[in-house]
């Protein structure tokens, strides 16, 4: 399999996408910002052994499409990758502008981090979460947007 990383910096100090266990030689990545330069690299390996990272390459996404369809419903998607180590991405959609809170909880319900707490426009949204300073375990994340409330679980594996 392969491991793919995307970053906004060529030294990968700020990883925006980290996907382990890619089995195909192509990968579609949703929710990237428009008109943005991204750097990418890949590593091949097995459970016991991985290659060095490939040389860094880059690409620039197309400018945002202002005619893009607005979602018709609220949704909270399963984070990816899941399980993860140490970073993951949470995706959600908003059918209209509304106040949004996205909160990370311990499995026993203790509020750990408020990831989003603001009014946001309708559309597709992504939150990158780096849990380098958290212990392995199961966590929950809850999205509140208007009358919509949904909670999902995720697993950090070290």
Protein backbone atom coordinates (compact mmCIF):
# COMPACT_ATOMS: atom_id res chain seq x y z
CA UNK A 1 0.00 0.00 0.00
CA UNK A 2 0.86 3.67 -0.09
CA UNK A 3 0.78 6.65 2.26
CA UNK A 4 -0.07 10.05 0.76
CA UNK A 5 0.52 13.44 2.36
CA UNK A 6 -0.49 16.93 1.21
CA UNK A 7 0.85 20.12 2.76
CA UNK A 8 0.76 23.87 2.27
CA UNK A 9 4.53 24.03 2.94
CA UNK A 10 7.25 22.22 1.02
CA UNK A 11 8.81 21.04 4.30
CA UNK A 12 5.51 19.38 5.34
CA UNK A 13 5.41 21.29 8.63
CA UNK A 14 1.65 21.76 8.19
CA UNK A 15 0.05 18.62 6.79
CA UNK A 16 -3.51 19.13 5.54
CA UNK A 17 -4.10 15.58 4.33
CA UNK A 18 -2.52 12.34 5.51
CA UNK A 19 -3.95 9.11 4.15
CA UNK A 20 -2.49 5.76 5.07
CA UNK A 21 -3.27 2.43 3.37
CA UNK A 22 -3.99 3.73 -0.12
CA UNK A 23 -4.13 0.67 -2.35
CA UNK A 24 -4.50 2.38 -5.73
CA UNK A 25 -1.94 4.48 -7.62
CA UNK A 26 -4.42 7.38 -7.94
CA UNK A 27 -6.31 9.23 -5.23
CA UNK A 28 -9.07 11.84 -5.34
CA UNK A 29 -8.96 14.37 -2.52
CA UNK A 30 -12.12 16.36 -1.79
CA UNK A 31 -12.49 19.71 -0.04
CA UNK A 32 -9.20 21.33 -1.05
CA UNK A 33 -9.17 25.12 -1.18
CA UNK A 34 -9.39 26.69 -4.61
CA UNK A 35 -6.50 28.53 -6.25
CA UNK A 36 -4.05 27.10 -3.68
CA UNK A 37 -0.57 25.61 -4.05
CA UNK A 38 -0.27 22.17 -2.42
CA UNK A 39 2.80 19.98 -2.00
CA UNK A 40 2.52 16.20 -2.04
CA UNK A 41 4.62 13.13 -1.39
CA UNK A 42 4.07 9.40 -1.19
CA UNK A 43 5.66 6.43 0.54
CA UNK A 44 5.19 2.74 -0.29
CA UNK A 45 5.32 -0.06 2.21
CA UNK A 46 3.87 -2.88 4.22
CA UNK A 47 2.79 -3.10 7.86
CA UNK A 48 6.41 -3.79 8.86
CA UNK A 49 8.42 -1.66 6.45
CA UNK A 50 7.99 1.61 4.54
CA UNK A 51 10.07 3.31 1.86
CA UNK A 52 11.51 6.80 2.12
CA UNK A 53 9.23 9.59 0.97
CA UNK A 54 9.15 10.29 -2.75
CA UNK A 55 10.60 13.58 -4.00
CA UNK A 56 8.17 16.41 -3.21
CA UNK A 57 5.91 17.53 -6.05
CA UNK A 58 3.31 20.26 -6.17
CA UNK A 59 0.08 21.27 -7.86
CA UNK A 60 -2.25 24.27 -7.77
CA UNK A 61 -5.99 23.78 -7.50
CA UNK A 62 -8.34 25.60 -9.85
CA UNK A 63 -9.99 28.84 -8.71
CA UNK A 64 -13.24 28.30 -6.79
CA UNK A 65 -16.28 27.64 -8.97
CA UNK A 66 -18.85 30.26 -8.04
CA UNK A 67 -21.55 28.23 -9.79
CA UNK A 68 -20.91 25.21 -7.56
CA UNK A 69 -24.06 23.66 -6.22
CA UNK A 70 -24.96 24.46 -2.61
CA UNK A 71 -25.78 21.40 -0.46
CA UNK A 72 -29.51 20.91 0.20
CA UNK A 73 -29.12 19.32 3.65
CA UNK A 74 -26.92 19.46 6.70
CA UNK A 75 -24.48 16.58 6.99
CA UNK A 76 -21.59 15.47 9.15
CA UNK A 77 -19.37 12.85 7.58
CA UNK A 78 -17.10 10.27 9.11
CA UNK A 79 -13.63 11.70 9.58
CA UNK A 80 -10.90 10.41 7.30
CA UNK A 81 -8.72 8.61 7.67
CA UNK A 82 -10.24 6.67 10.54
CA UNK A 83 -8.51 5.21 12.49
CA UNK A 84 -5.79 7.85 12.21
CA UNK A 85 -2.38 8.88 13.56
CA UNK A 86 -1.99 11.75 14.35
CA UNK A 87 -4.15 13.87 12.02
CA UNK A 88 -7.57 13.55 10.45
CA UNK A 89 -10.11 15.63 8.54
CA UNK A 90 -13.76 16.23 9.47
CA UNK A 91 -16.15 17.15 6.64
CA UNK A 92 -19.60 18.70 6.87
CA UNK A 93 -22.12 20.54 4.71
CA UNK A 94 -24.40 23.50 5.38
CA UNK A 95 -27.43 24.29 3.16
CA UNK A 96 -27.55 27.91 4.35
CA UNK A 97 -25.53 30.40 6.42
CA UNK A 98 -25.81 29.55 10.11
CA UNK A 99 -23.93 29.52 13.41
CA UNK A 100 -21.78 26.37 13.71
CA UNK A 101 -20.06 24.70 16.63
CA UNK A 102 -17.84 21.66 16.20
CA UNK A 103 -16.50 20.22 19.44
CA UNK A 104 -14.15 17.35 20.26
CA UNK A 105 -15.05 15.18 23.29
CA UNK A 106 -13.42 12.35 25.19
CA UNK A 107 -15.33 9.07 25.04
CA UNK A 108 -16.74 9.82 28.51
CA UNK A 109 -18.19 13.14 27.32
CA UNK A 110 -15.57 15.59 28.57
CA UNK A 111 -15.31 18.59 26.22
CA UNK A 112 -11.69 18.78 25.01
CA UNK A 113 -11.47 21.32 22.18
CA UNK A 114 -13.82 23.67 20.36
CA UNK A 115 -12.79 23.33 16.72
CA UNK A 116 -15.34 25.72 15.19
CA UNK A 117 -17.53 28.35 16.85
CA UNK A 118 -18.69 30.89 14.29
CA UNK A 119 -21.25 31.74 11.68
CA UNK A 120 -20.41 30.05 8.37
CA UNK A 121 -21.66 30.29 4.82
CA UNK A 122 -23.58 27.54 3.05
CA UNK A 123 -21.37 25.00 1.35
CA UNK A 124 -18.84 22.28 1.94
CA UNK A 125 -16.53 22.61 4.93
CA UNK A 126 -13.46 20.72 6.14
CA UNK A 127 -11.63 20.92 9.46
CA UNK A 128 -8.15 19.45 9.78
CA UNK A 129 -7.43 18.10 13.26
CA UNK A 130 -3.94 17.32 14.54
CA UNK A 131 -4.07 15.16 17.68
CA UNK A 132 -0.32 14.76 18.20
CA UNK A 133 -0.71 15.71 21.88
CA UNK A 134 -3.57 13.29 22.60
CA UNK A 135 -3.45 9.69 23.82
CA UNK A 136 -4.63 6.75 21.73
CA UNK A 137 -8.31 6.07 22.11
CA UNK A 138 -11.83 6.69 20.90
CA UNK A 139 -13.04 10.30 20.73
CA UNK A 140 -16.31 11.91 19.67
CA UNK A 141 -16.98 15.04 17.67
CA UNK A 142 -20.29 16.91 17.60
CA UNK A 143 -21.58 19.36 15.02
CA UNK A 144 -24.35 21.83 15.90
CA UNK A 145 -25.64 23.95 13.03
CA UNK A 146 -29.09 25.50 13.28
CA UNK A 147 -31.40 22.72 14.52
CA UNK A 148 -29.02 20.04 13.19
CA UNK A 149 -27.01 18.11 15.79
CA UNK A 150 -24.94 15.02 15.02
CA UNK A 151 -22.19 13.23 16.94
CA UNK A 152 -19.72 10.74 15.51
CA UNK A 153 -16.83 8.70 16.87
CA UNK A 154 -13.23 8.49 15.70
CA UNK A 155 -10.22 6.42 16.74
CA UNK A 156 -6.69 7.72 17.32
CA UNK A 157 -4.19 4.83 17.13
CA UNK A 158 -0.54 5.34 18.05
